């Protein structure tokens, strides 16, 4: 992972609320979003299930889900609407960029797959097979998740273009082909 060197020169001399640490953090988020869409695209084009690509897709989605849904403080509410606090002070969350944390409606089956079958040894995970694995990539819950990723990038581009060079970032990780 590269460090964030895409800070505009005119901003480097100014004191900014967006520290180098947060700008570097955004590079990690950009990387996660790129690989989420890239692995999704590869899976949709593939005739056979490629397990490493599928697990990579789920891992990037899980990282982004935590990024969008976790907050720096606990927010109360029912079990369905509660947003969990970031587990560590150095966790990168969307609120770091003034993008409100919110629970993304991805559907129960997708959430279960992320929570129980990705990085968790379980009997349920062992029973998974290719027939019940890929059906949900085009699901409505996935459309919500895709939209949230795109909305966040559009938000960043419109609110942080003074702080970073998005064209340079796009040359590094070509996200513009997924954000239309």
C-alpha atoms as a PDB file:
ATOM      1  CA  UNK A   1       0.000   0.000   0.000  1.00  0.00           C
ATOM      2  CA  UNK A   2       1.389   3.371  -1.021  1.00  0.00           C
ATOM      3  CA  UNK A   3       1.264   6.426   1.181  1.00  0.00           C
ATOM      4  CA  UNK A   4      -0.879   9.340   0.125  1.00  0.00           C
ATOM      5  CA  UNK A   5       1.244  11.683  -1.947  1.00  0.00           C
ATOM      6  CA  UNK A   6      -1.647  13.169  -3.881  1.00  0.00           C
ATOM      7  CA  UNK A   7      -2.110  16.228  -1.700  1.00  0.00           C
ATOM      8  CA  UNK A   8      -2.229  19.348  -3.814  1.00  0.00           C
ATOM      9  CA  UNK A   9       0.861  21.546  -3.467  1.00  0.00           C
ATOM     10  CA  UNK A  10      -1.208  24.656  -2.721  1.00  0.00           C
ATOM     11  CA  UNK A  11      -2.659  22.930   0.338  1.00  0.00           C
ATOM     12  CA  UNK A  12       0.566  21.484   1.723  1.00  0.00           C
ATOM     13  CA  UNK A  13       1.615  24.849   3.194  1.00  0.00           C
ATOM     14  CA  UNK A  14      -1.813  25.599   4.704  1.00  0.00           C
ATOM     15  CA  UNK A  15      -3.060  24.220   7.981  1.00  0.00           C
ATOM     16  CA  UNK A  16      -5.827  21.810   7.145  1.00  0.00           C
ATOM     17  CA  UNK A  17      -8.354  19.887   9.214  1.00  0.00           C
ATOM     18  CA  UNK A  18      -7.545  16.932   7.026  1.00  0.00           C
ATOM     19  CA  UNK A  19      -4.246  15.735   8.333  1.00  0.00           C
ATOM     20  CA  UNK A  20      -1.828  13.644   6.332  1.00  0.00           C
ATOM     21  CA  UNK A  21      -3.050  10.714   8.442  1.00  0.00           C
ATOM     22  CA  UNK A  22      -6.647  11.177   7.229  1.00  0.00           C
ATOM     23  CA  UNK A  23      -5.546  11.666   3.639  1.00  0.00           C
ATOM     24  CA  UNK A  24      -3.511   8.448   3.860  1.00  0.00           C
ATOM     25  CA  UNK A  25      -6.584   6.789   5.339  1.00  0.00           C
ATOM     26  CA  UNK A  26      -8.628   7.893   2.356  1.00  0.00           C
ATOM     27  CA  UNK A  27      -6.136   6.158   0.055  1.00  0.00           C
ATOM     28  CA  UNK A  28      -6.908   2.919   1.918  1.00  0.00           C
ATOM     29  CA  UNK A  29     -10.639   3.508   1.414  1.00  0.00           C
ATOM     30  CA  UNK A  30     -10.102   4.260  -2.290  1.00  0.00           C
ATOM     31  CA  UNK A  31      -8.120   1.008  -2.583  1.00  0.00           C
ATOM     32  CA  UNK A  32     -10.905  -0.984  -0.862  1.00  0.00           C
ATOM     33  CA  UNK A  33     -13.603   0.506  -3.099  1.00  0.00           C
ATOM     34  CA  UNK A  34     -11.544  -0.149  -6.218  1.00  0.00           C
ATOM     35  CA  UNK A  35     -10.968  -3.829  -5.347  1.00  0.00           C
ATOM     36  CA  UNK A  36     -14.584  -4.260  -4.252  1.00  0.00           C
ATOM     37  CA  UNK A  37     -15.799  -3.171  -7.705  1.00  0.00           C
ATOM     38  CA  UNK A  38     -12.962  -4.905  -9.563  1.00  0.00           C
ATOM     39  CA  UNK A  39     -13.546  -8.310  -7.929  1.00  0.00           C
ATOM     40  CA  UNK A  40     -17.314  -7.900  -8.346  1.00  0.00           C
ATOM     41  CA  UNK A  41     -16.814  -7.208 -12.042  1.00  0.00           C
ATOM     42  CA  UNK A  42     -14.551 -10.259 -12.436  1.00  0.00           C
ATOM     43  CA  UNK A  43     -17.126 -12.487 -10.726  1.00  0.00           C
ATOM     44  CA  UNK A  44     -19.947 -11.230 -12.926  1.00  0.00           C
ATOM     45  CA  UNK A  45     -17.905 -11.946 -16.080  1.00  0.00           C
ATOM     46  CA  UNK A  46     -16.749 -15.382 -14.938  1.00  0.00           C
ATOM     47  CA  UNK A  47     -18.599 -18.540 -15.943  1.00  0.00           C
ATOM     48  CA  UNK A  48     -17.224 -20.507 -12.987  1.00  0.00           C
ATOM     49  CA  UNK A  49     -16.921 -19.502  -9.385  1.00  0.00           C
ATOM     50  CA  UNK A  50     -13.390 -18.419  -8.525  1.00  0.00           C
ATOM     51  CA  UNK A  51     -13.241 -18.882  -4.744  1.00  0.00           C
ATOM     52  CA  UNK A  52     -10.202 -16.612  -4.082  1.00  0.00           C
ATOM     53  CA  UNK A  53     -11.805 -13.784  -6.092  1.00  0.00           C
ATOM     54  CA  UNK A  54     -15.131 -14.312  -4.328  1.00  0.00           C
ATOM     55  CA  UNK A  55     -13.521 -14.255  -0.885  1.00  0.00           C
ATOM     56  CA  UNK A  56     -11.538 -11.148  -1.850  1.00  0.00           C
ATOM     57  CA  UNK A  57     -14.808  -9.512  -2.951  1.00  0.00           C
ATOM     58  CA  UNK A  58     -16.435 -10.351   0.395  1.00  0.00           C
ATOM     59  CA  UNK A  59     -13.419  -9.153   2.363  1.00  0.00           C
ATOM     60  CA  UNK A  60     -13.367  -5.752   0.629  1.00  0.00           C
ATOM     61  CA  UNK A  61     -17.117  -5.476   1.118  1.00  0.00           C
ATOM     62  CA  UNK A  62     -16.767  -6.308   4.818  1.00  0.00           C
ATOM     63  CA  UNK A  63     -14.049  -3.668   5.278  1.00  0.00           C
ATOM     64  CA  UNK A  64     -16.207  -1.061   3.535  1.00  0.00           C
ATOM     65  CA  UNK A  65     -19.312  -2.067   5.481  1.00  0.00           C
ATOM     66  CA  UNK A  66     -17.442  -1.376   8.715  1.00  0.00           C
ATOM     67  CA  UNK A  67     -16.095   1.896   7.294  1.00  0.00           C
ATOM     68  CA  UNK A  68     -19.586   3.147   6.397  1.00  0.00           C
ATOM     69  CA  UNK A  69     -21.485   1.770   9.393  1.00  0.00           C
ATOM     70  CA  UNK A  70     -19.167   2.330  12.349  1.00  0.00           C
ATOM     71  CA  UNK A  71     -18.942   5.603  14.207  1.00  0.00           C
ATOM     72  CA  UNK A  72     -16.657   7.216  16.763  1.00  0.00           C
ATOM     73  CA  UNK A  73     -19.400   7.070  19.402  1.00  0.00           C
ATOM     74  CA  UNK A  74     -22.269   4.712  20.185  1.00  0.00           C
ATOM     75  CA  UNK A  75     -25.615   5.647  18.727  1.00  0.00           C
ATOM     76  CA  UNK A  76     -28.593   4.101  20.515  1.00  0.00           C
ATOM     77  CA  UNK A  77     -31.644   2.588  18.963  1.00  0.00           C
ATOM     78  CA  UNK A  78     -33.182  -0.741  18.210  1.00  0.00           C
ATOM     79  CA  UNK A  79     -30.962  -3.687  17.382  1.00  0.00           C
ATOM     80  CA  UNK A  80     -31.738  -3.203  13.678  1.00  0.00           C
ATOM     81  CA  UNK A  81     -30.670   0.452  13.564  1.00  0.00           C
ATOM     82  CA  UNK A  82     -27.787   0.586  16.026  1.00  0.00           C
ATOM     83  CA  UNK A  83     -24.466   1.640  14.585  1.00  0.00           C
ATOM     84  CA  UNK A  84     -21.464   0.145  16.307  1.00  0.00           C
ATOM     85  CA  UNK A  85     -18.591   2.214  17.593  1.00  0.00           C
ATOM     86  CA  UNK A  86     -15.216   1.857  15.904  1.00  0.00           C
ATOM     87  CA  UNK A  87     -13.319  -0.787  17.826  1.00  0.00           C
ATOM     88  CA  UNK A  88      -9.997   1.037  17.878  1.00  0.00           C
ATOM     89  CA  UNK A  89      -8.965   4.673  17.767  1.00  0.00           C
ATOM     90  CA  UNK A  90      -7.027   4.085  14.579  1.00  0.00           C
ATOM     91  CA  UNK A  91      -9.985   2.525  12.710  1.00  0.00           C
ATOM     92  CA  UNK A  92     -10.869   4.568   9.638  1.00  0.00           C
ATOM     93  CA  UNK A  93     -14.576   5.459   9.558  1.00  0.00           C
ATOM     94  CA  UNK A  94     -16.635   7.550   7.150  1.00  0.00           C
ATOM     95  CA  UNK A  95     -17.258  10.148   9.880  1.00  0.00           C
ATOM     96  CA  UNK A  96     -13.543  11.016   9.683  1.00  0.00           C
ATOM     97  CA  UNK A  97     -14.470  12.670   6.365  1.00  0.00           C
ATOM     98  CA  UNK A  98     -17.738  14.216   7.635  1.00  0.00           C
ATOM     99  CA  UNK A  99     -19.741  11.499   5.852  1.00  0.00           C
ATOM    100  CA  UNK A 100     -22.457  10.321   8.238  1.00  0.00           C
ATOM    101  CA  UNK A 101     -22.256   6.719   9.428  1.00  0.00           C
ATOM    102  CA  UNK A 102     -25.379   4.742   8.624  1.00  0.00           C
ATOM    103  CA  UNK A 103     -26.484   1.159   8.405  1.00  0.00           C
ATOM    104  CA  UNK A 104     -26.626   0.029   4.788  1.00  0.00           C
ATOM    105  CA  UNK A 105     -29.563  -2.179   3.896  1.00  0.00           C
ATOM    106  CA  UNK A 106     -27.866  -5.152   2.227  1.00  0.00           C
ATOM    107  CA  UNK A 107     -30.304  -7.873   3.205  1.00  0.00           C
ATOM    108  CA  UNK A 108     -30.134 -10.644   5.764  1.00  0.00           C
ATOM    109  CA  UNK A 109     -28.553 -13.297   3.488  1.00  0.00           C
ATOM    110  CA  UNK A 110     -25.669 -11.053   2.433  1.00  0.00           C
ATOM    111  CA  UNK A 111     -25.101  -9.837   5.993  1.00  0.00           C
ATOM    112  CA  UNK A 112     -25.016 -13.450   7.235  1.00  0.00           C
ATOM    113  CA  UNK A 113     -22.521 -14.409   4.546  1.00  0.00           C
ATOM    114  CA  UNK A 114     -20.265 -11.516   5.561  1.00  0.00           C
ATOM    115  CA  UNK A 115     -20.593 -12.130   9.293  1.00  0.00           C
ATOM    116  CA  UNK A 116     -20.537 -15.919   9.493  1.00  0.00           C
ATOM    117  CA  UNK A 117     -19.005 -17.343   6.365  1.00  0.00           C
ATOM    118  CA  UNK A 118     -16.152 -15.068   5.371  1.00  0.00           C
ATOM    119  CA  UNK A 119     -13.586 -15.098   8.138  1.00  0.00           C
ATOM    120  CA  UNK A 120     -15.195 -17.313  10.689  1.00  0.00           C
ATOM    121  CA  UNK A 121     -14.813 -21.053  11.082  1.00  0.00           C
ATOM    122  CA  UNK A 122     -18.335 -22.416  11.191  1.00  0.00           C
ATOM    123  CA  UNK A 123     -20.330 -25.469  10.109  1.00  0.00           C
ATOM    124  CA  UNK A 124     -22.527 -23.234   7.969  1.00  0.00           C
ATOM    125  CA  UNK A 125     -19.508 -21.953   6.030  1.00  0.00           C
ATOM    126  CA  UNK A 126     -18.435 -25.520   5.348  1.00  0.00           C
ATOM    127  CA  UNK A 127     -21.809 -26.250   3.672  1.00  0.00           C
ATOM    128  CA  UNK A 128     -21.527 -23.374   1.158  1.00  0.00           C
ATOM    129  CA  UNK A 129     -21.321 -24.295  -2.470  1.00  0.00           C
ATOM    130  CA  UNK A 130     -21.208 -22.514  -5.810  1.00  0.00           C
ATOM    131  CA  UNK A 131     -24.985 -22.867  -6.369  1.00  0.00           C
ATOM    132  CA  UNK A 132     -25.850 -20.617  -3.418  1.00  0.00           C
ATOM    133  CA  UNK A 133     -22.844 -18.323  -3.459  1.00  0.00           C
ATOM    134  CA  UNK A 134     -23.047 -15.875  -6.361  1.00  0.00           C
ATOM    135  CA  UNK A 135     -26.790 -15.275  -6.634  1.00  0.00           C
ATOM    136  CA  UNK A 136     -26.725 -12.185  -4.468  1.00  0.00           C
ATOM    137  CA  UNK A 137     -24.095 -10.118  -6.321  1.00  0.00           C
ATOM    138  CA  UNK A 138     -26.892  -8.546  -8.393  1.00  0.00           C
ATOM    139  CA  UNK A 139     -29.300  -8.412  -5.430  1.00  0.00           C
ATOM    140  CA  UNK A 140     -31.106  -5.192  -4.397  1.00  0.00           C
ATOM    141  CA  UNK A 141     -29.024  -5.092  -1.205  1.00  0.00           C
ATOM    142  CA  UNK A 142     -25.895  -5.062  -3.334  1.00  0.00           C
ATOM    143  CA  UNK A 143     -27.315  -2.195  -5.391  1.00  0.00           C
ATOM    144  CA  UNK A 144     -27.703  -0.232  -2.120  1.00  0.00           C
ATOM    145  CA  UNK A 145     -24.123  -1.011  -1.176  1.00  0.00           C
ATOM    146  CA  UNK A 146     -22.789  -0.064  -4.640  1.00  0.00           C
ATOM    147  CA  UNK A 147     -24.709   3.209  -4.529  1.00  0.00           C
ATOM    148  CA  UNK A 148     -23.303   4.061  -1.104  1.00  0.00           C
ATOM    149  CA  UNK A 149     -19.723   3.518  -2.351  1.00  0.00           C
ATOM    150  CA  UNK A 150     -20.358   5.693  -5.403  1.00  0.00           C
ATOM    151  CA  UNK A 151     -22.081   8.401  -3.356  1.00  0.00           C
ATOM    152  CA  UNK A 152     -19.147   8.528  -0.951  1.00  0.00           C
ATOM    153  CA  UNK A 153     -16.620   8.952  -3.781  1.00  0.00           C
ATOM    154  CA  UNK A 154     -18.736  11.692  -5.384  1.00  0.00           C
ATOM    155  CA  UNK A 155     -19.011  13.380  -1.985  1.00  0.00           C
ATOM    156  CA  UNK A 156     -15.237  13.216  -1.498  1.00  0.00           C
ATOM    157  CA  UNK A 157     -14.543  14.527  -4.974  1.00  0.00           C
ATOM    158  CA  UNK A 158     -16.878  17.493  -4.555  1.00  0.00           C
ATOM    159  CA  UNK A 159     -15.821  18.349  -0.990  1.00  0.00           C
ATOM    160  CA  UNK A 160     -12.127  17.503  -0.924  1.00  0.00           C
ATOM    161  CA  UNK A 161     -10.824  18.433  -4.363  1.00  0.00           C
ATOM    162  CA  UNK A 162      -8.811  21.235  -2.713  1.00  0.00           C
ATOM    163  CA  UNK A 163      -6.984  18.647  -0.622  1.00  0.00           C
ATOM    164  CA  UNK A 164      -6.254  15.852  -3.075  1.00  0.00           C
ATOM    165  CA  UNK A 165      -5.632  15.142  -6.723  1.00  0.00           C
ATOM    166  CA  UNK A 166      -8.406  12.755  -7.772  1.00  0.00           C
ATOM    167  CA  UNK A 167      -7.092  12.469 -11.330  1.00  0.00           C
ATOM    168  CA  UNK A 168      -3.793  11.144 -10.004  1.00  0.00           C
ATOM    169  CA  UNK A 169      -5.635   8.706  -7.740  1.00  0.00           C
ATOM    170  CA  UNK A 170      -7.693   7.503 -10.679  1.00  0.00           C
ATOM    171  CA  UNK A 171      -4.540   6.831 -12.682  1.00  0.00           C
ATOM    172  CA  UNK A 172      -3.358   4.636  -9.800  1.00  0.00           C
ATOM    173  CA  UNK A 173      -6.641   2.820  -9.130  1.00  0.00           C
ATOM    174  CA  UNK A 174      -9.012   3.248 -12.036  1.00  0.00           C
ATOM    175  CA  UNK A 175     -12.302   3.771 -10.234  1.00  0.00           C
ATOM    176  CA  UNK A 176     -13.846   6.181 -12.723  1.00  0.00           C
ATOM    177  CA  UNK A 177     -14.924   3.246 -14.912  1.00  0.00           C
ATOM    178  CA  UNK A 178     -17.195   2.097 -12.062  1.00  0.00           C
ATOM    179  CA  UNK A 179     -18.452   5.506 -10.939  1.00  0.00           C
ATOM    180  CA  UNK A 180     -20.835   6.917 -13.536  1.00  0.00           C
END
